[in-house]
Structure formats: structure tokens, C-alpha cells
């Protein structure tokens, strides 16, 4: 129930809002999760690499260990 001030001689009522979230160019939202895709070459996946990942809080440097594409997940 909303609040009806004494100035208005009416009953309190409900306020219903619909919020639409616009799609972002780099991030994808799935429920409460936010993700993005970062390209990684085959050579970087095999040998390991230091890559910069953009996050909602700014860029973060990430060390990708060698062999991330070996199928050991």
C-alpha cells in the first residue's frame, strides 16, 4: 500500500513499475550473473598468456595458465 498524504483526500494505493534493462555492447546478463567473452588465440591457450579482461569495475589483468584448451575442466 502506498502512502496518501493528508493533503489529498484519497485512499492509499499501489505503485507498479516495470524496469527494462538495455543490452550492453560487451557484457551479457543472465539473471544475476554478468559475463563477457574474451578472445584467446590457440597459441595463448597452449602456452599461457597474460590478458586484460574488462569487468564492470574496470580492467583486470588475468594470467591464463598454459594448457587451458587441453580439455581438463
N, C-alpha and C. Protein backbone atom coordinates (compact mmCIF):
# COMPACT_ATOMS: atom_id res chain seq x y z
N UNK A 1 0.85 -1.18 0.00
CA UNK A 1 0.00 0.00 0.00
C UNK A 1 0.89 1.23 0.00
N UNK A 2 0.55 2.16 -0.83
CA UNK A 2 1.29 3.42 -0.88
C UNK A 2 0.83 4.35 0.24
N UNK A 3 1.39 5.52 0.27
CA UNK A 3 1.06 6.49 1.30
C UNK A 3 0.28 7.63 0.66
N UNK A 4 -0.87 7.94 1.21
CA UNK A 4 -1.67 9.08 0.75
C UNK A 4 -1.59 10.17 1.79
N UNK A 5 -0.89 11.27 1.50
CA UNK A 5 -0.78 12.34 2.48
C UNK A 5 -2.15 12.92 2.83
N UNK A 6 -2.20 13.55 3.96
CA UNK A 6 -3.47 14.14 4.42
C UNK A 6 -3.93 15.27 3.52
N UNK A 7 -3.03 15.83 2.70
CA UNK A 7 -3.40 16.92 1.81
C UNK A 7 -4.41 16.43 0.79
N UNK A 8 -4.22 15.20 0.33
CA UNK A 8 -5.15 14.64 -0.65
C UNK A 8 -6.17 13.79 0.09
N UNK A 9 -7.40 14.01 -0.19
CA UNK A 9 -8.47 13.25 0.47
C UNK A 9 -8.73 11.98 -0.34
N UNK A 10 -7.72 11.13 -0.41
CA UNK A 10 -7.88 9.89 -1.16
C UNK A 10 -7.27 8.73 -0.38
N UNK A 11 -7.55 7.54 -0.84
CA UNK A 11 -7.04 6.35 -0.19
C UNK A 11 -5.65 6.02 -0.74
N UNK A 12 -4.81 5.39 0.10
CA UNK A 12 -3.51 4.97 -0.42
C UNK A 12 -3.68 3.88 -1.46
N UNK A 13 -2.74 3.84 -2.40
CA UNK A 13 -2.81 2.82 -3.46
C UNK A 13 -1.45 2.22 -3.72
N UNK A 14 -1.39 1.29 -4.66
CA UNK A 14 -0.15 0.61 -5.02
C UNK A 14 0.46 1.29 -6.24
N UNK A 15 1.78 1.28 -6.29
CA UNK A 15 2.52 1.78 -7.44
C UNK A 15 3.26 0.60 -8.05
N UNK A 16 3.00 0.33 -9.31
CA UNK A 16 3.65 -0.78 -10.01
C UNK A 16 4.59 -0.21 -11.06
N UNK A 17 5.85 -0.68 -11.05
CA UNK A 17 6.85 -0.23 -12.00
C UNK A 17 7.36 -1.40 -12.84
N UNK A 18 7.61 -1.13 -14.09
CA UNK A 18 8.25 -2.10 -14.97
C UNK A 18 9.60 -1.53 -15.35
N UNK A 19 10.68 -2.28 -15.08
CA UNK A 19 12.03 -1.83 -15.39
C UNK A 19 12.57 -2.69 -16.53
N UNK A 20 13.03 -2.05 -17.58
CA UNK A 20 13.63 -2.76 -18.71
C UNK A 20 15.11 -2.43 -18.72
N UNK A 21 15.95 -3.46 -18.79
CA UNK A 21 17.40 -3.28 -18.80
C UNK A 21 17.87 -3.35 -20.24
N UNK A 22 18.57 -2.30 -20.66
CA UNK A 22 19.08 -2.23 -22.02
C UNK A 22 20.29 -3.15 -22.16
N UNK A 23 20.43 -3.79 -23.33
CA UNK A 23 21.57 -4.67 -23.56
C UNK A 23 22.85 -3.84 -23.64
N UNK A 24 23.95 -4.43 -23.15
CA UNK A 24 25.25 -3.77 -23.17
C UNK A 24 26.06 -4.31 -24.34
N UNK A 25 26.97 -3.49 -24.85
CA UNK A 25 27.77 -3.90 -26.01
C UNK A 25 28.75 -5.02 -25.68
N UNK A 26 29.27 -5.08 -24.44
CA UNK A 26 30.31 -6.05 -24.11
C UNK A 26 29.87 -7.10 -23.08
N UNK A 27 28.93 -6.77 -22.23
CA UNK A 27 28.53 -7.68 -21.16
C UNK A 27 27.17 -8.29 -21.45
N UNK A 28 27.00 -9.52 -20.99
CA UNK A 28 25.70 -10.21 -21.12
C UNK A 28 25.19 -10.50 -19.71
N UNK A 29 23.89 -10.38 -19.53
CA UNK A 29 23.30 -10.64 -18.22
C UNK A 29 22.41 -11.86 -18.30
N UNK A 30 22.58 -12.76 -17.33
CA UNK A 30 21.74 -13.95 -17.20
C UNK A 30 21.31 -14.02 -15.74
N UNK A 31 20.07 -13.57 -15.49
CA UNK A 31 19.57 -13.45 -14.12
C UNK A 31 20.47 -12.48 -13.34
N UNK A 32 21.17 -12.95 -12.31
CA UNK A 32 22.04 -12.09 -11.52
C UNK A 32 23.50 -12.15 -11.96
N UNK A 33 23.79 -12.96 -12.99
CA UNK A 33 25.16 -13.15 -13.45
C UNK A 33 25.47 -12.22 -14.62
N UNK A 34 26.67 -11.65 -14.62
CA UNK A 34 27.15 -10.81 -15.71
C UNK A 34 28.39 -11.47 -16.28
N UNK A 35 28.44 -11.63 -17.62
CA UNK A 35 29.58 -12.29 -18.24
C UNK A 35 29.98 -11.55 -19.50
N UNK A 36 31.18 -11.86 -19.97
CA UNK A 36 31.66 -11.34 -21.25
C UNK A 36 32.59 -12.38 -21.85
N UNK A 37 32.80 -12.27 -23.14
CA UNK A 37 33.70 -13.19 -23.82
C UNK A 37 34.99 -12.46 -24.14
N UNK A 38 36.11 -13.14 -23.91
CA UNK A 38 37.43 -12.58 -24.20
C UNK A 38 38.11 -13.50 -25.20
N UNK A 39 38.50 -12.97 -26.36
CA UNK A 39 39.16 -13.82 -27.35
C UNK A 39 40.52 -14.28 -26.86
N UNK A 40 40.83 -15.54 -27.12
CA UNK A 40 42.10 -16.14 -26.74
C UNK A 40 42.56 -16.98 -27.92
N UNK A 41 43.74 -16.69 -28.44
CA UNK A 41 44.23 -17.46 -29.58
C UNK A 41 44.62 -18.86 -29.13
N UNK A 42 44.76 -19.76 -30.08
CA UNK A 42 45.17 -21.12 -29.76
C UNK A 42 46.56 -21.13 -29.13
N UNK A 43 47.47 -20.30 -29.65
CA UNK A 43 48.82 -20.24 -29.10
C UNK A 43 48.80 -19.72 -27.65
N UNK A 44 47.97 -18.72 -27.37
CA UNK A 44 47.85 -18.21 -25.99
C UNK A 44 47.28 -19.28 -25.07
N UNK A 45 46.33 -20.06 -25.56
CA UNK A 45 45.73 -21.12 -24.75
C UNK A 45 46.73 -22.23 -24.46
N UNK A 46 47.58 -22.54 -25.42
CA UNK A 46 48.56 -23.62 -25.23
C UNK A 46 49.72 -23.18 -24.36
N UNK A 47 50.28 -22.00 -24.66
CA UNK A 47 51.48 -21.53 -23.96
C UNK A 47 51.18 -20.74 -22.69
N UNK A 48 49.96 -20.27 -22.54
CA UNK A 48 49.62 -19.39 -21.43
C UNK A 48 49.84 -17.94 -21.86
N UNK A 49 49.13 -17.04 -21.24
CA UNK A 49 49.24 -15.64 -21.62
C UNK A 49 48.73 -14.75 -20.48
N UNK A 50 49.14 -13.51 -20.54
CA UNK A 50 48.59 -12.50 -19.64
C UNK A 50 47.63 -11.67 -20.47
N UNK A 51 46.37 -11.66 -20.09
CA UNK A 51 45.35 -10.94 -20.85
C UNK A 51 44.65 -9.94 -19.94
N UNK A 52 44.08 -8.92 -20.55
CA UNK A 52 43.31 -7.93 -19.81
C UNK A 52 41.84 -8.21 -20.05
N UNK A 53 41.09 -8.34 -18.98
CA UNK A 53 39.67 -8.64 -19.04
C UNK A 53 38.92 -7.41 -18.52
N UNK A 54 37.99 -6.90 -19.33
CA UNK A 54 37.17 -5.78 -18.88
C UNK A 54 36.06 -6.30 -17.98
N UNK A 55 35.92 -5.68 -16.81
CA UNK A 55 34.86 -6.04 -15.88
C UNK A 55 33.99 -4.81 -15.64
N UNK A 56 32.90 -4.97 -14.94
CA UNK A 56 32.04 -3.83 -14.64
C UNK A 56 32.74 -2.84 -13.71
N UNK A 57 33.82 -3.28 -13.05
CA UNK A 57 34.58 -2.41 -12.15
C UNK A 57 35.83 -1.86 -12.80
N UNK A 58 36.08 -2.19 -14.07
CA UNK A 58 37.27 -1.74 -14.78
C UNK A 58 38.10 -2.91 -15.23
N UNK A 59 39.18 -2.65 -15.97
CA UNK A 59 40.01 -3.73 -16.49
C UNK A 59 40.79 -4.46 -15.40
N UNK A 60 40.93 -5.78 -15.58
CA UNK A 60 41.67 -6.64 -14.64
C UNK A 60 42.64 -7.48 -15.46
N UNK A 61 43.88 -7.57 -15.01
CA UNK A 61 44.87 -8.41 -15.67
C UNK A 61 44.74 -9.83 -15.15
N UNK A 62 44.70 -10.78 -16.07
CA UNK A 62 44.48 -12.18 -15.73
C UNK A 62 45.57 -13.02 -16.37
N UNK A 63 46.17 -13.90 -15.60
CA UNK A 63 47.18 -14.83 -16.12
C UNK A 63 46.50 -16.14 -16.48
N UNK A 64 46.47 -16.42 -17.77
CA UNK A 64 45.89 -17.67 -18.25
C UNK A 64 46.99 -18.71 -18.24
N UNK A 65 46.84 -19.78 -17.46
CA UNK A 65 47.90 -20.79 -17.38
C UNK A 65 48.02 -21.58 -18.67
N UNK A 66 49.17 -22.16 -18.92
CA UNK A 66 49.34 -22.98 -20.14
C UNK A 66 48.38 -24.17 -20.14
N UNK A 67 47.88 -24.49 -21.32
CA UNK A 67 47.06 -25.69 -21.48
C UNK A 67 45.61 -25.54 -21.12
N UNK A 68 45.05 -24.32 -21.14
CA UNK A 68 43.63 -24.19 -20.79
C UNK A 68 42.71 -24.82 -21.81
N UNK A 69 43.22 -25.12 -22.99
CA UNK A 69 42.37 -25.75 -24.01
C UNK A 69 42.58 -27.26 -24.06
N UNK A 70 43.22 -27.83 -23.06
CA UNK A 70 43.53 -29.26 -23.10
C UNK A 70 42.33 -30.15 -22.81
N UNK A 71 41.19 -29.55 -22.43
CA UNK A 71 40.01 -30.35 -22.12
C UNK A 71 39.92 -30.72 -20.66
N UNK A 72 40.88 -30.33 -19.83
CA UNK A 72 40.83 -30.60 -18.40
C UNK A 72 40.04 -29.50 -17.71
N UNK A 73 38.72 -29.66 -17.62
CA UNK A 73 37.89 -28.63 -16.98
C UNK A 73 37.28 -29.13 -15.72
